[in-house]
Amino acid sequence: MSDTPAGPAAPDPWKSFRGVMAGTLILEAIVVLLALPVVSMVGGGLTAWSTAYLVGFTVFLVLLSGVQGRPWAVWLNLGVQLILVAGFLVYPAIGMVGVVFAIVWGIIAYLRVEVLRRQRQGRLPSQQPPQ
């Protein structure tokens, strides 16, 4: 006789949450790359510094998407938005993209706290007994 319960294992809410965070970082990286033609056509145009900033930040976002399993990742993602908000120095629209993604990451951080609270209370759907 086995002590393990019958049936499939309960879904891990954090697995999908990590996917959402990684996907958001990849989407953000795409948006930052799409800023290259905008910066090149308006304002002061692309300089070596602005190109290095945009491409380097994009590479950093892609690399950051690989560490989303860490418990501190959502807070790092939120803090990294300050670097993008500093993009106002490159072109004001870049800074606005940073503000928009800072709001998105603020919402994601709130959702993480809410899921964690509900998990501790045993109120997640995966923690409910079968009906």
Protein backbone atom coordinates (compact mmCIF):
# COMPACT_ATOMS: atom_id res chain seq x y z
CA MET A 1 0.00 0.00 0.00
CA SER A 2 1.33 3.43 -0.92
CA ASP A 3 1.07 6.58 1.19
CA THR A 4 0.86 8.85 -1.84
CA PRO A 5 -2.56 10.20 -2.74
CA ALA A 6 -4.19 9.05 -5.96
CA GLY A 7 -4.62 11.47 -8.83
CA PRO A 8 -2.49 14.05 -10.55
CA ALA A 9 -0.26 16.39 -8.60
CA ALA A 10 -1.59 19.85 -7.83
CA PRO A 11 -0.49 22.49 -10.33
CA ASP A 12 2.34 24.77 -9.27
CA PRO A 13 1.10 28.39 -9.36
CA TRP A 14 4.67 29.67 -9.41
CA LYS A 15 5.56 27.84 -12.62
CA SER A 16 3.06 29.85 -14.63
CA PHE A 17 3.99 33.02 -12.74
CA ARG A 18 7.65 32.56 -13.73
CA GLY A 19 6.50 32.17 -17.32
CA VAL A 20 4.54 35.40 -17.17
CA MET A 21 7.56 37.26 -15.78
CA ALA A 22 9.95 35.82 -18.38
CA GLY A 23 7.48 36.57 -21.16
CA THR A 24 7.06 40.15 -19.95
CA LEU A 25 10.83 40.64 -20.00
CA ILE A 26 11.05 39.32 -23.56
CA LEU A 27 8.19 41.62 -24.61
CA GLU A 28 9.98 44.51 -22.94
CA ALA A 29 13.20 43.62 -24.78
CA ILE A 30 11.31 43.70 -28.10
CA VAL A 31 9.81 47.09 -27.28
CA VAL A 32 13.23 48.49 -26.39
CA LEU A 33 14.67 47.20 -29.67
CA LEU A 34 11.77 48.79 -31.55
CA ALA A 35 12.88 52.10 -30.08
CA LEU A 36 16.08 51.99 -32.17
CA PRO A 37 14.46 53.25 -35.39
CA VAL A 38 12.51 55.88 -33.46
CA VAL A 39 15.62 57.27 -31.80
CA SER A 40 17.51 57.18 -35.11
CA MET A 41 14.86 59.25 -36.92
CA VAL A 42 14.00 61.86 -34.28
CA GLY A 43 15.82 63.79 -31.62
CA GLY A 44 19.58 63.69 -31.86
CA GLY A 45 19.62 60.43 -33.78
CA LEU A 46 21.50 57.32 -32.76
CA THR A 47 24.86 57.88 -31.13
CA ALA A 48 27.30 55.25 -29.95
CA TRP A 49 26.09 55.83 -26.39
CA SER A 50 22.35 55.58 -27.18
CA THR A 51 22.86 52.47 -29.32
CA ALA A 52 24.95 50.81 -26.61
CA TYR A 53 22.31 51.74 -24.01
CA LEU A 54 19.39 50.31 -25.99
CA VAL A 55 21.11 47.17 -27.26
CA GLY A 56 22.87 46.52 -23.93
CA PHE A 57 19.63 46.93 -22.00
CA THR A 58 17.88 44.56 -24.40
CA VAL A 59 20.56 41.90 -23.91
CA PHE A 60 20.31 42.41 -20.13
CA LEU A 61 16.52 41.90 -20.24
CA VAL A 62 16.88 38.68 -22.24
CA LEU A 63 19.49 37.35 -19.81
CA LEU A 64 17.32 38.40 -16.88
CA SER A 65 14.46 36.32 -18.23
CA GLY A 66 16.52 33.23 -17.45
CA VAL A 67 16.61 33.84 -13.67
CA GLN A 68 12.90 34.20 -13.05
CA GLY A 69 12.84 31.15 -10.79
CA ARG A 70 14.63 33.05 -8.04
CA PRO A 71 12.50 34.47 -5.20
CA TRP A 72 14.01 37.94 -5.63
CA ALA A 73 13.51 38.09 -9.41
CA VAL A 74 10.29 40.11 -9.39
CA TRP A 75 11.89 42.77 -7.18
CA LEU A 76 14.97 42.92 -9.43
CA ASN A 77 12.69 43.26 -12.47
CA LEU A 78 10.92 46.16 -10.78
CA GLY A 79 14.20 47.83 -9.86
CA VAL A 80 15.63 47.41 -13.36
CA GLN A 81 12.86 49.65 -14.63
CA LEU A 82 14.74 52.59 -13.13
CA ILE A 83 17.43 52.01 -15.76
CA LEU A 84 14.80 52.23 -18.48
CA VAL A 85 13.18 55.30 -16.94
CA ALA A 86 16.64 56.88 -17.11
CA GLY A 87 16.16 56.53 -20.86
CA PHE A 88 14.67 60.04 -20.72
CA LEU A 89 18.31 61.07 -21.22
CA VAL A 90 18.40 59.22 -24.55
CA TYR A 91 14.95 60.23 -25.77
CA PRO A 92 11.80 61.10 -23.79
CA ALA A 93 9.79 58.27 -25.38
CA ILE A 94 12.28 55.73 -23.99
CA GLY A 95 11.69 57.08 -20.51
CA MET A 96 7.94 56.81 -21.05
CA VAL A 97 8.36 53.18 -22.05
CA GLY A 98 10.20 52.77 -18.75
CA VAL A 99 7.31 54.36 -16.85
CA VAL A 100 4.79 52.08 -18.57
CA PHE A 101 6.82 48.94 -17.82
CA ALA A 102 7.43 50.11 -14.24
CA ILE A 103 3.65 50.19 -13.82
CA VAL A 104 3.36 46.72 -15.39
CA TRP A 105 6.03 45.35 -13.04
CA GLY A 106 4.34 47.03 -10.09
CA ILE A 107 1.14 45.16 -10.96
CA ILE A 108 3.06 41.90 -11.35
CA ALA A 109 4.71 42.44 -7.95
CA TYR A 110 1.29 43.06 -6.40
CA LEU A 111 -0.07 39.87 -7.99
CA ARG A 112 2.90 37.91 -6.63
CA VAL A 113 2.22 39.17 -3.11
CA GLU A 114 -1.48 38.35 -3.49
CA VAL A 115 -0.84 34.78 -4.75
CA LEU A 116 1.64 34.22 -1.92
CA ARG A 117 -0.89 35.48 0.64
CA ARG A 118 -3.62 33.22 -0.72
CA GLN A 119 -1.24 30.27 -0.85
CA ARG A 120 -0.35 30.75 2.82
CA GLN A 121 -4.06 30.88 3.66
CA GLY A 122 -4.74 27.73 1.62
CA ARG A 123 -7.19 29.54 -0.67
CA LEU A 124 -5.68 28.74 -4.07
CA PRO A 125 -7.88 26.60 -6.33
CA SER A 126 -5.15 23.93 -6.43
CA GLN A 127 -5.29 23.70 -2.62
CA GLN A 128 -9.02 23.01 -2.47
CA PRO A 129 -10.26 19.46 -1.96
CA PRO A 130 -11.84 17.79 -5.00
CA GLN A 131 -15.60 18.04 -5.19
